[in-house]
C-alpha atoms as a PDB file:
ATOM      1  CA  UNK A   1      26.088 -36.102  -5.368  1.00  0.00           C
ATOM      2  CA  UNK A   2      26.093 -32.418  -6.463  1.00  0.00           C
ATOM      3  CA  UNK A   3      26.677 -29.366  -4.805  1.00  0.00           C
ATOM      4  CA  UNK A   4      24.174 -26.812  -4.748  1.00  0.00           C
ATOM      5  CA  UNK A   5      23.557 -22.887  -2.936  1.00  0.00           C
ATOM      6  CA  UNK A   6      20.292 -22.806  -0.926  1.00  0.00           C
ATOM      7  CA  UNK A   7      19.310 -19.110  -0.477  1.00  0.00           C
ATOM      8  CA  UNK A   8      17.172 -18.569   2.567  1.00  0.00           C
ATOM      9  CA  UNK A   9      15.769 -15.475   3.184  1.00  0.00           C
ATOM     10  CA  UNK A  10      13.477 -13.149   6.749  1.00  0.00           C
ATOM     11  CA  UNK A  11      13.773 -15.241   9.589  1.00  0.00           C
ATOM     12  CA  UNK A  12      15.641 -18.353   8.090  1.00  0.00           C
ATOM     13  CA  UNK A  13      18.605 -16.257   6.915  1.00  0.00           C
ATOM     14  CA  UNK A  14      18.584 -15.148  10.606  1.00  0.00           C
ATOM     15  CA  UNK A  15      18.353 -18.416  12.054  1.00  0.00           C
ATOM     16  CA  UNK A  16      21.230 -20.063   9.749  1.00  0.00           C
ATOM     17  CA  UNK A  17      23.587 -16.562  10.537  1.00  0.00           C
ATOM     18  CA  UNK A  18      23.882 -16.872   6.516  1.00  0.00           C
ATOM     19  CA  UNK A  19      22.042 -15.419   3.405  1.00  0.00           C
ATOM     20  CA  UNK A  20      23.380 -18.531   1.577  1.00  0.00           C
ATOM     21  CA  UNK A  21      24.571 -22.203   2.199  1.00  0.00           C
ATOM     22  CA  UNK A  22      26.098 -25.142  -0.265  1.00  0.00           C
ATOM     23  CA  UNK A  23      25.436 -28.609   0.462  1.00  0.00           C
ATOM     24  CA  UNK A  24      25.977 -31.487  -1.322  1.00  0.00           C
ATOM     25  CA  UNK A  25      22.554 -33.392  -1.934  1.00  0.00           C
ATOM     26  CA  UNK A  26      20.545 -35.266  -4.902  1.00  0.00           C
ATOM     27  CA  UNK A  27      16.997 -34.700  -4.340  1.00  0.00           C
ATOM     28  CA  UNK A  28      14.914 -31.030  -1.922  1.00  0.00           C
ATOM     29  CA  UNK A  29      14.423 -33.957   0.721  1.00  0.00           C
ATOM     30  CA  UNK A  30      17.938 -33.904   1.002  1.00  0.00           C
ATOM     31  CA  UNK A  31      18.442 -30.054   1.451  1.00  0.00           C
ATOM     32  CA  UNK A  32      15.800 -30.307   3.641  1.00  0.00           C
ATOM     33  CA  UNK A  33      17.722 -33.416   6.285  1.00  0.00           C
ATOM     34  CA  UNK A  34      20.709 -31.133   6.090  1.00  0.00           C
ATOM     35  CA  UNK A  35      19.533 -27.929   6.547  1.00  0.00           C
ATOM     36  CA  UNK A  36      17.039 -29.249  10.211  1.00  0.00           C
ATOM     37  CA  UNK A  37      20.875 -31.575  11.040  1.00  0.00           C
ATOM     38  CA  UNK A  38      23.207 -28.298  10.865  1.00  0.00           C
ATOM     39  CA  UNK A  39      19.781 -25.637  12.563  1.00  0.00           C
ATOM     40  CA  UNK A  40      17.059 -27.333  14.399  1.00  0.00           C
ATOM     41  CA  UNK A  41      15.931 -24.458  14.833  1.00  0.00           C
ATOM     42  CA  UNK A  42      14.336 -24.480  11.346  1.00  0.00           C
ATOM     43  CA  UNK A  43      12.353 -27.724  11.368  1.00  0.00           C
ATOM     44  CA  UNK A  44       8.998 -26.620  13.278  1.00  0.00           C
ATOM     45  CA  UNK A  45       9.624 -23.604  10.429  1.00  0.00           C
ATOM     46  CA  UNK A  46      10.080 -25.725   7.556  1.00  0.00           C
ATOM     47  CA  UNK A  47       8.113 -29.142   7.625  1.00  0.00           C
ATOM     48  CA  UNK A  48       5.550 -31.017   9.163  1.00  0.00           C
ATOM     49  CA  UNK A  49       4.688 -34.340   9.048  1.00  0.00           C
ATOM     50  CA  UNK A  50       7.452 -35.114   6.907  1.00  0.00           C
ATOM     51  CA  UNK A  51       5.844 -32.356   4.644  1.00  0.00           C
ATOM     52  CA  UNK A  52       6.624 -29.249   3.674  1.00  0.00           C
ATOM     53  CA  UNK A  53       4.476 -26.427   5.547  1.00  0.00           C
ATOM     54  CA  UNK A  54       2.388 -24.942   2.976  1.00  0.00           C
ATOM     55  CA  UNK A  55       2.985 -21.749   3.357  1.00  0.00           C
ATOM     56  CA  UNK A  56       6.803 -21.790   2.468  1.00  0.00           C
ATOM     57  CA  UNK A  57       7.441 -21.133  -0.881  1.00  0.00           C
ATOM     58  CA  UNK A  58      10.860 -23.738  -2.495  1.00  0.00           C
ATOM     59  CA  UNK A  59      12.157 -22.965  -5.926  1.00  0.00           C
ATOM     60  CA  UNK A  60      14.719 -24.495  -7.471  1.00  0.00           C
ATOM     61  CA  UNK A  61      16.243 -22.835 -10.549  1.00  0.00           C
ATOM     62  CA  UNK A  62      13.596 -20.435  -9.881  1.00  0.00           C
ATOM     63  CA  UNK A  63      10.093 -22.951 -10.885  1.00  0.00           C
ATOM     64  CA  UNK A  64       8.366 -23.982  -7.867  1.00  0.00           C
ATOM     65  CA  UNK A  65       9.028 -27.729  -6.603  1.00  0.00           C
ATOM     66  CA  UNK A  66       5.431 -28.029  -5.862  1.00  0.00           C
ATOM     67  CA  UNK A  67       5.494 -28.095  -9.707  1.00  0.00           C
ATOM     68  CA  UNK A  68       8.202 -30.373  -9.813  1.00  0.00           C
ATOM     69  CA  UNK A  69       7.688 -33.385  -7.393  1.00  0.00           C
ATOM     70  CA  UNK A  70       8.290 -31.511  -4.080  1.00  0.00           C
ATOM     71  CA  UNK A  71      10.609 -33.058  -2.109  1.00  0.00           C
ATOM     72  CA  UNK A  72      11.028 -35.705  -4.551  1.00  0.00           C
ATOM     73  CA  UNK A  73      12.665 -33.124  -7.463  1.00  0.00           C
ATOM     74  CA  UNK A  74      16.117 -33.956  -8.133  1.00  0.00           C
ATOM     75  CA  UNK A  75      19.214 -31.316  -8.246  1.00  0.00           C
ATOM     76  CA  UNK A  76      22.270 -31.319  -9.830  1.00  0.00           C
ATOM     77  CA  UNK A  77      25.576 -29.641  -9.628  1.00  0.00           C
ATOM     78  CA  UNK A  78      25.524 -25.868  -9.937  1.00  0.00           C
ATOM     79  CA  UNK A  79      21.740 -25.654  -8.899  1.00  0.00           C
ATOM     80  CA  UNK A  80      20.335 -23.381  -6.888  1.00  0.00           C
ATOM     81  CA  UNK A  81      17.090 -23.667  -4.272  1.00  0.00           C
ATOM     82  CA  UNK A  82      15.993 -20.573  -2.661  1.00  0.00           C
ATOM     83  CA  UNK A  83      13.709 -20.485   0.603  1.00  0.00           C
ATOM     84  CA  UNK A  84      11.341 -18.524   1.562  1.00  0.00           C
ATOM     85  CA  UNK A  85       8.833 -18.098   4.642  1.00  0.00           C
ATOM     86  CA  UNK A  86       5.767 -16.561   4.195  1.00  0.00           C
ATOM     87  CA  UNK A  87       5.842 -12.645   4.105  1.00  0.00           C
ATOM     88  CA  UNK A  88       3.161 -10.148   5.323  1.00  0.00           C
ATOM     89  CA  UNK A  89       3.282  -6.199   4.312  1.00  0.00           C
ATOM     90  CA  UNK A  90       1.459  -3.631   5.436  1.00  0.00           C
END
């Protein structure tokens, strides 16, 4: 398993208490499983019926996982994952 850096933004960062965590994972599915296990309050915000909620954006090294292999996206040691909740402004 590789070590990946996971950057969290907005309310996700507030729930975790840190802007970045380092996890051992080989896929995006493993990243989300680890995050939800360590921080159960993330579960309803990130996933629904085993899939990433449509309003959550996840990038791996700057590429949207929806353009890759979604939760099956493979990760390597040193990859950076960024998870963004919906953003609103005014």
